[in-house]
């Protein structure tokens, strides 16, 4: 097993452990984060109804032309801020943060800080 496969396996194990304790509902949805090398994706999910309430990424129409680089901390912060604004427009004030197995550092932390700065509560 090579190094990248081991890293993916460890992230999957962390993800399963985290998801066993986190669920979202319509009043307090789960904010799921995924980061790739070049982009950032966020969803607000209602686990009781099994549907996505809101989704946003660096590939979205609102952010695509405005970001110089889509894989850095500034892009993650911009996605978090925009998600918070859209969530507050749909009367979602509180969420449960699901880091999806990624470490709470760097881009993931920047996204969370951006969402908190615009008024979203975790």
N, C-alpha and C. Protein backbone atom coordinates (compact mmCIF):
# COMPACT_ATOMS: atom_id res chain seq x y z
N UNK A 1 0.84 -1.17 0.00
CA UNK A 1 0.00 0.00 0.00
C UNK A 1 0.89 1.24 0.00
N UNK A 2 0.66 2.12 -0.96
CA UNK A 2 1.50 3.32 -1.04
C UNK A 2 1.01 4.39 -0.06
N UNK A 3 1.78 5.46 0.02
CA UNK A 3 1.54 6.50 1.01
C UNK A 3 0.20 7.21 0.82
N UNK A 4 -0.18 7.52 -0.43
CA UNK A 4 -1.43 8.24 -0.65
C UNK A 4 -2.64 7.38 -0.32
N UNK A 5 -2.57 6.08 -0.55
CA UNK A 5 -3.67 5.18 -0.20
C UNK A 5 -3.85 5.11 1.31
N UNK A 6 -2.75 5.09 2.04
CA UNK A 6 -2.82 5.07 3.51
C UNK A 6 -3.47 6.36 4.03
N UNK A 7 -3.11 7.50 3.43
CA UNK A 7 -3.69 8.77 3.85
C UNK A 7 -5.19 8.79 3.61
N UNK A 8 -5.62 8.29 2.45
CA UNK A 8 -7.04 8.25 2.14
C UNK A 8 -7.79 7.32 3.09
N UNK A 9 -7.18 6.21 3.42
CA UNK A 9 -7.81 5.26 4.34
C UNK A 9 -7.96 5.87 5.73
N UNK A 10 -6.94 6.58 6.21
CA UNK A 10 -7.02 7.23 7.51
C UNK A 10 -8.10 8.31 7.52
N UNK A 11 -8.20 9.09 6.43
CA UNK A 11 -9.23 10.13 6.34
C UNK A 11 -10.62 9.51 6.34
N UNK A 12 -10.79 8.41 5.64
CA UNK A 12 -12.08 7.72 5.61
C UNK A 12 -12.46 7.21 6.99
N UNK A 13 -11.48 6.68 7.73
CA UNK A 13 -11.76 6.21 9.09
C UNK A 13 -12.17 7.37 10.00
N UNK A 14 -11.46 8.51 9.89
CA UNK A 14 -11.82 9.70 10.67
C UNK A 14 -13.22 10.17 10.30
N UNK A 15 -13.52 10.15 8.99
CA UNK A 15 -14.82 10.60 8.50
C UNK A 15 -15.95 9.74 9.09
N UNK A 16 -15.79 8.43 9.09
CA UNK A 16 -16.81 7.54 9.64
C UNK A 16 -16.99 7.74 11.14
N UNK A 17 -15.90 7.94 11.85
CA UNK A 17 -15.96 8.16 13.29
C UNK A 17 -16.70 9.46 13.61
N UNK A 18 -16.41 10.50 12.85
CA UNK A 18 -17.07 11.80 13.05
C UNK A 18 -18.55 11.71 12.72
N UNK A 19 -18.88 11.08 11.58
CA UNK A 19 -20.28 11.01 11.13
C UNK A 19 -21.15 10.16 12.04
N UNK A 20 -20.56 9.27 12.84
CA UNK A 20 -21.37 8.48 13.75
C UNK A 20 -21.96 9.34 14.87
N UNK A 21 -21.38 10.51 15.11
CA UNK A 21 -21.83 11.40 16.18
C UNK A 21 -22.54 12.66 15.68
N UNK A 22 -22.49 12.93 14.38
CA UNK A 22 -23.03 14.18 13.84
C UNK A 22 -24.22 13.89 12.93
N UNK A 23 -25.34 14.55 13.18
CA UNK A 23 -26.47 14.52 12.27
C UNK A 23 -27.06 15.91 12.19
N UNK A 24 -27.68 16.21 11.08
CA UNK A 24 -28.31 17.50 10.89
C UNK A 24 -29.79 17.34 10.66
N UNK A 25 -30.55 18.39 10.98
CA UNK A 25 -31.98 18.39 10.69
C UNK A 25 -32.34 19.70 10.02
N UNK A 26 -33.62 19.95 9.81
CA UNK A 26 -34.01 21.15 9.06
C UNK A 26 -33.72 22.43 9.82
N UNK A 27 -33.79 22.40 11.17
CA UNK A 27 -33.50 23.60 11.95
C UNK A 27 -31.99 23.83 12.10
N UNK A 28 -31.23 22.75 12.20
CA UNK A 28 -29.79 22.82 12.38
C UNK A 28 -29.12 21.82 11.45
N UNK A 29 -28.92 22.19 10.18
CA UNK A 29 -28.37 21.23 9.21
C UNK A 29 -26.88 20.97 9.42
N UNK A 30 -26.41 19.91 8.80
CA UNK A 30 -25.00 19.54 8.86
C UNK A 30 -24.29 20.28 7.72
N UNK A 31 -23.20 20.96 8.05
CA UNK A 31 -22.40 21.67 7.06
C UNK A 31 -21.21 20.79 6.69
N UNK A 32 -21.31 20.12 5.56
CA UNK A 32 -20.29 19.17 5.13
C UNK A 32 -19.29 19.86 4.21
N UNK A 33 -18.00 19.66 4.49
CA UNK A 33 -16.92 20.31 3.76
C UNK A 33 -16.12 19.27 2.99
N UNK A 34 -15.79 19.58 1.75
CA UNK A 34 -14.86 18.74 0.99
C UNK A 34 -13.86 19.66 0.32
N UNK A 35 -12.59 19.30 0.40
CA UNK A 35 -11.56 20.10 -0.26
C UNK A 35 -10.75 19.20 -1.17
N UNK A 36 -10.48 19.70 -2.36
CA UNK A 36 -9.57 19.02 -3.26
C UNK A 36 -8.34 19.92 -3.40
N UNK A 37 -7.43 19.54 -4.25
CA UNK A 37 -6.24 20.37 -4.42
C UNK A 37 -6.58 21.73 -5.03
N UNK A 38 -7.58 21.76 -5.90
CA UNK A 38 -7.86 22.99 -6.64
C UNK A 38 -9.16 23.68 -6.26
N UNK A 39 -10.06 23.00 -5.57
CA UNK A 39 -11.37 23.58 -5.30
C UNK A 39 -11.86 23.24 -3.90
N UNK A 40 -12.94 23.92 -3.51
CA UNK A 40 -13.54 23.76 -2.20
C UNK A 40 -15.05 23.63 -2.37
N UNK A 41 -15.66 22.68 -1.67
CA UNK A 41 -17.10 22.41 -1.80
C UNK A 41 -17.72 22.36 -0.41
N UNK A 42 -18.93 22.94 -0.26
CA UNK A 42 -19.64 22.95 1.01
C UNK A 42 -21.12 22.68 0.74
N UNK A 43 -21.73 21.88 1.62
CA UNK A 43 -23.16 21.60 1.51
C UNK A 43 -23.80 21.73 2.89
N UNK A 44 -25.03 22.21 2.90
CA UNK A 44 -25.86 22.16 4.10
C UNK A 44 -26.86 21.04 3.89
N UNK A 45 -26.82 20.02 4.77
CA UNK A 45 -27.57 18.79 4.55
C UNK A 45 -28.54 18.55 5.70
N UNK A 46 -29.78 18.21 5.35
CA UNK A 46 -30.78 17.77 6.31
C UNK A 46 -30.78 16.24 6.28
N UNK A 47 -30.19 15.62 7.30
CA UNK A 47 -30.06 14.16 7.33
C UNK A 47 -31.38 13.45 7.60
N UNK A 48 -32.31 14.10 8.30
CA UNK A 48 -33.59 13.44 8.59
C UNK A 48 -34.43 13.27 7.31
N UNK A 49 -34.37 14.26 6.42
CA UNK A 49 -35.11 14.17 5.15
C UNK A 49 -34.21 13.69 4.01
N UNK A 50 -32.93 13.52 4.26
CA UNK A 50 -31.95 13.07 3.26
C UNK A 50 -31.93 13.96 2.02
N UNK A 51 -31.83 15.27 2.25
CA UNK A 51 -31.70 16.17 1.11
C UNK A 51 -30.72 17.30 1.41
N UNK A 52 -30.21 17.87 0.34
CA UNK A 52 -29.28 18.99 0.44
C UNK A 52 -30.07 20.29 0.39
N UNK A 53 -29.91 21.11 1.40
CA UNK A 53 -30.63 22.37 1.49
C UNK A 53 -29.93 23.43 0.64
N UNK A 54 -28.61 23.47 0.72
CA UNK A 54 -27.84 24.51 0.06
C UNK A 54 -26.47 23.97 -0.26
N UNK A 55 -25.93 24.32 -1.42
CA UNK A 55 -24.57 23.91 -1.75
C UNK A 55 -23.85 25.06 -2.43
N UNK A 56 -22.53 25.08 -2.25
CA UNK A 56 -21.72 26.15 -2.81
C UNK A 56 -20.30 25.62 -2.99
N UNK A 57 -19.62 26.10 -4.01
CA UNK A 57 -18.23 25.71 -4.22
C UNK A 57 -17.49 26.84 -4.92
N UNK A 58 -16.20 26.64 -5.09
CA UNK A 58 -15.41 27.63 -5.82
C UNK A 58 -15.75 27.60 -7.30
N UNK A 59 -16.50 26.60 -7.75
CA UNK A 59 -16.93 26.52 -9.14
C UNK A 59 -18.31 27.14 -9.37
N UNK A 60 -18.95 27.63 -8.31
CA UNK A 60 -20.28 28.24 -8.42
C UNK A 60 -20.21 29.53 -9.21
N UNK A 61 -21.33 29.89 -9.81
CA UNK A 61 -21.40 31.10 -10.64
C UNK A 61 -21.05 32.35 -9.86
N UNK A 62 -21.47 32.41 -8.58
CA UNK A 62 -21.22 33.62 -7.78
C UNK A 62 -19.74 33.86 -7.52
N UNK A 63 -18.95 32.79 -7.44
CA UNK A 63 -17.56 32.91 -7.02
C UNK A 63 -16.55 32.65 -8.13
N UNK A 64 -16.96 32.02 -9.20
CA UNK A 64 -16.01 31.54 -10.21
C UNK A 64 -15.13 32.65 -10.79
N UNK A 65 -15.68 33.75 -11.17
CA UNK A 65 -14.90 34.82 -11.78
C UNK A 65 -14.22 35.75 -10.79
N UNK A 66 -14.66 35.71 -9.54
CA UNK A 66 -14.16 36.66 -8.55
C UNK A 66 -12.90 36.21 -7.83
N UNK A 67 -12.60 34.90 -7.88
CA UNK A 67 -11.45 34.38 -7.16
C UNK A 67 -10.26 34.21 -8.09
N UNK A 68 -9.12 34.73 -7.66
CA UNK A 68 -7.91 34.59 -8.46
C UNK A 68 -7.40 33.16 -8.42
N UNK A 69 -7.35 32.58 -7.22
CA UNK A 69 -6.93 31.21 -7.03
C UNK A 69 -8.03 30.49 -6.26
N UNK A 70 -8.43 29.30 -6.69
CA UNK A 70 -9.57 28.62 -6.06
C UNK A 70 -9.16 27.58 -5.03
N UNK A 71 -7.88 27.35 -4.82
CA UNK A 71 -7.46 26.30 -3.90
C UNK A 71 -6.72 26.79 -2.68
N UNK A 72 -6.85 28.06 -2.35
CA UNK A 72 -6.09 28.57 -1.22
C UNK A 72 -6.99 29.00 -0.06
N UNK A 73 -6.39 29.53 0.98
CA UNK A 73 -7.11 29.93 2.19
C UNK A 73 -8.09 31.06 1.91
N UNK A 74 -7.71 32.01 1.06
CA UNK A 74 -8.60 33.14 0.75
C UNK A 74 -9.86 32.67 0.03
N UNK A 75 -9.72 31.71 -0.86
CA UNK A 75 -10.88 31.15 -1.55
C UNK A 75 -11.79 30.42 -0.58
N UNK A 76 -11.21 29.68 0.35
CA UNK A 76 -12.00 28.96 1.35
C UNK A 76 -12.77 29.93 2.22
N UNK A 77 -12.13 31.02 2.63
CA UNK A 77 -12.80 32.03 3.44
C UNK A 77 -13.95 32.67 2.67
N UNK A 78 -13.74 32.95 1.39
CA UNK A 78 -14.79 33.54 0.56
C UNK A 78 -15.98 32.60 0.41
N UNK A 79 -15.73 31.31 0.26
CA UNK A 79 -16.81 30.32 0.17
C UNK A 79 -17.58 30.28 1.48
N UNK A 80 -16.88 30.30 2.60
CA UNK A 80 -17.55 30.29 3.91
C UNK A 80 -18.41 31.52 4.13
N UNK A 81 -17.89 32.69 3.74
CA UNK A 81 -18.65 33.92 3.91
C UNK A 81 -19.90 33.92 3.03
N UNK A 82 -19.75 33.50 1.79
CA UNK A 82 -20.90 33.47 0.86
C UNK A 82 -21.94 32.45 1.31
N UNK A 83 -21.48 31.31 1.83
CA UNK A 83 -22.41 30.30 2.32
C UNK A 83 -23.21 30.83 3.51
N UNK A 84 -22.55 31.54 4.40
CA UNK A 84 -23.24 32.11 5.57
C UNK A 84 -24.30 33.11 5.14
N UNK A 85 -23.99 33.93 4.16
CA UNK A 85 -24.96 34.91 3.67
C UNK A 85 -26.17 34.21 3.07
N UNK A 86 -25.94 33.19 2.24
CA UNK A 86 -27.05 32.45 1.62
C UNK A 86 -27.85 31.68 2.67
N UNK A 87 -27.19 31.14 3.69
CA UNK A 87 -27.89 30.40 4.73
C UNK A 87 -28.78 31.33 5.54
N UNK A 88 -28.27 32.51 5.88
CA UNK A 88 -29.07 33.46 6.65
C UNK A 88 -30.26 33.96 5.84
N UNK A 89 -30.14 34.03 4.51
CA UNK A 89 -31.27 34.41 3.66
C UNK A 89 -32.37 33.36 3.70
N UNK A 90 -32.00 32.09 3.91
CA UNK A 90 -32.99 31.02 3.99
C UNK A 90 -33.34 30.68 5.44
N UNK A 91 -33.09 31.60 6.36
CA UNK A 91 -33.42 31.49 7.79
C UNK A 91 -32.73 30.32 8.48
N UNK A 92 -31.50 30.02 8.09
CA UNK A 92 -30.67 29.04 8.79
C UNK A 92 -29.61 29.82 9.54
N UNK A 93 -29.68 29.76 10.86
CA UNK A 93 -28.74 30.53 11.68
C UNK A 93 -27.72 29.66 12.38
N UNK A 94 -28.05 28.36 12.53
CA UNK A 94 -27.20 27.46 13.28
C UNK A 94 -26.95 26.19 12.47
N UNK A 95 -25.70 25.71 12.46
CA UNK A 95 -25.34 24.49 11.74
C UNK A 95 -24.45 23.61 12.61
N UNK A 96 -24.31 22.35 12.20
CA UNK A 96 -23.37 21.43 12.82
C UNK A 96 -22.23 21.26 11.82
N UNK A 97 -21.00 21.51 12.23
CA UNK A 97 -19.86 21.50 11.32
C UNK A 97 -19.32 20.08 11.16
N UNK A 98 -19.29 19.60 9.91
CA UNK A 98 -18.74 18.28 9.58
C UNK A 98 -17.50 18.51 8.72
N UNK A 99 -16.34 18.30 9.31
CA UNK A 99 -15.09 18.54 8.59
C UNK A 99 -14.73 17.40 7.65
N UNK A 100 -15.55 16.33 7.66
CA UNK A 100 -15.46 15.26 6.67
C UNK A 100 -14.13 14.52 6.70
N UNK A 101 -13.52 14.42 7.87
CA UNK A 101 -12.27 13.70 8.00
C UNK A 101 -11.03 14.54 7.79
N UNK A 102 -11.19 15.75 7.31
CA UNK A 102 -10.05 16.64 7.11
C UNK A 102 -9.67 17.27 8.44
N UNK A 103 -8.41 17.56 8.62
CA UNK A 103 -7.95 18.19 9.85
C UNK A 103 -8.45 19.63 9.92
N UNK A 104 -8.81 20.08 11.12
CA UNK A 104 -9.31 21.44 11.31
C UNK A 104 -8.11 22.38 11.36
N UNK A 105 -7.62 22.72 10.17
CA UNK A 105 -6.42 23.53 10.05
C UNK A 105 -6.40 24.09 8.64
N UNK A 106 -5.81 25.24 8.46
CA UNK A 106 -5.62 25.80 7.12
C UNK A 106 -6.93 26.17 6.44
N UNK A 107 -7.20 25.55 5.27
CA UNK A 107 -8.36 25.91 4.46
C UNK A 107 -9.68 25.56 5.14
N UNK A 108 -9.73 24.44 5.85
CA UNK A 108 -10.97 24.05 6.53
C UNK A 108 -11.28 25.04 7.65
N UNK A 109 -10.27 25.44 8.40
CA UNK A 109 -10.44 26.42 9.47
C UNK A 109 -10.82 27.79 8.88
N UNK A 110 -10.23 28.15 7.76
CA UNK A 110 -10.54 29.43 7.12
C UNK A 110 -12.00 29.48 6.67
N UNK A 111 -12.51 28.38 6.15
CA UNK A 111 -13.90 28.32 5.75
C UNK A 111 -14.82 28.51 6.96
N UNK A 112 -14.51 27.82 8.06
CA UNK A 112 -15.32 27.94 9.27
C UNK A 112 -15.27 29.36 9.83
N UNK A 113 -14.10 29.95 9.84
CA UNK A 113 -13.96 31.32 10.34
C UNK A 113 -14.72 32.31 9.46
N UNK A 114 -14.69 32.10 8.14
CA UNK A 114 -15.42 32.96 7.23
C UNK A 114 -16.93 32.88 7.46
N UNK A 115 -17.42 31.67 7.68
CA UNK A 115 -18.85 31.49 7.94
C UNK A 115 -19.25 32.12 9.28
N UNK A 116 -18.41 31.97 10.28
CA UNK A 116 -18.70 32.56 11.60
C UNK A 116 -18.68 34.09 11.53
N UNK A 117 -17.77 34.65 10.72
CA UNK A 117 -17.66 36.10 10.64
C UNK A 117 -18.91 36.75 10.06
N UNK A 118 -19.66 36.03 9.24
CA UNK A 118 -20.88 36.57 8.64
C UNK A 118 -22.13 36.21 9.44
N UNK A 119 -21.98 35.57 10.62
CA UNK A 119 -23.11 35.38 11.50
C UNK A 119 -23.64 33.98 11.64
N UNK A 120 -23.03 32.99 11.01
CA UNK A 120 -23.48 31.61 11.14
C UNK A 120 -22.94 31.02 12.44
N UNK A 121 -23.79 30.32 13.19
CA UNK A 121 -23.38 29.76 14.47
C UNK A 121 -23.12 28.27 14.34
N UNK A 122 -22.07 27.79 15.00
CA UNK A 122 -21.75 26.36 15.00
C UNK A 122 -22.01 25.82 16.38
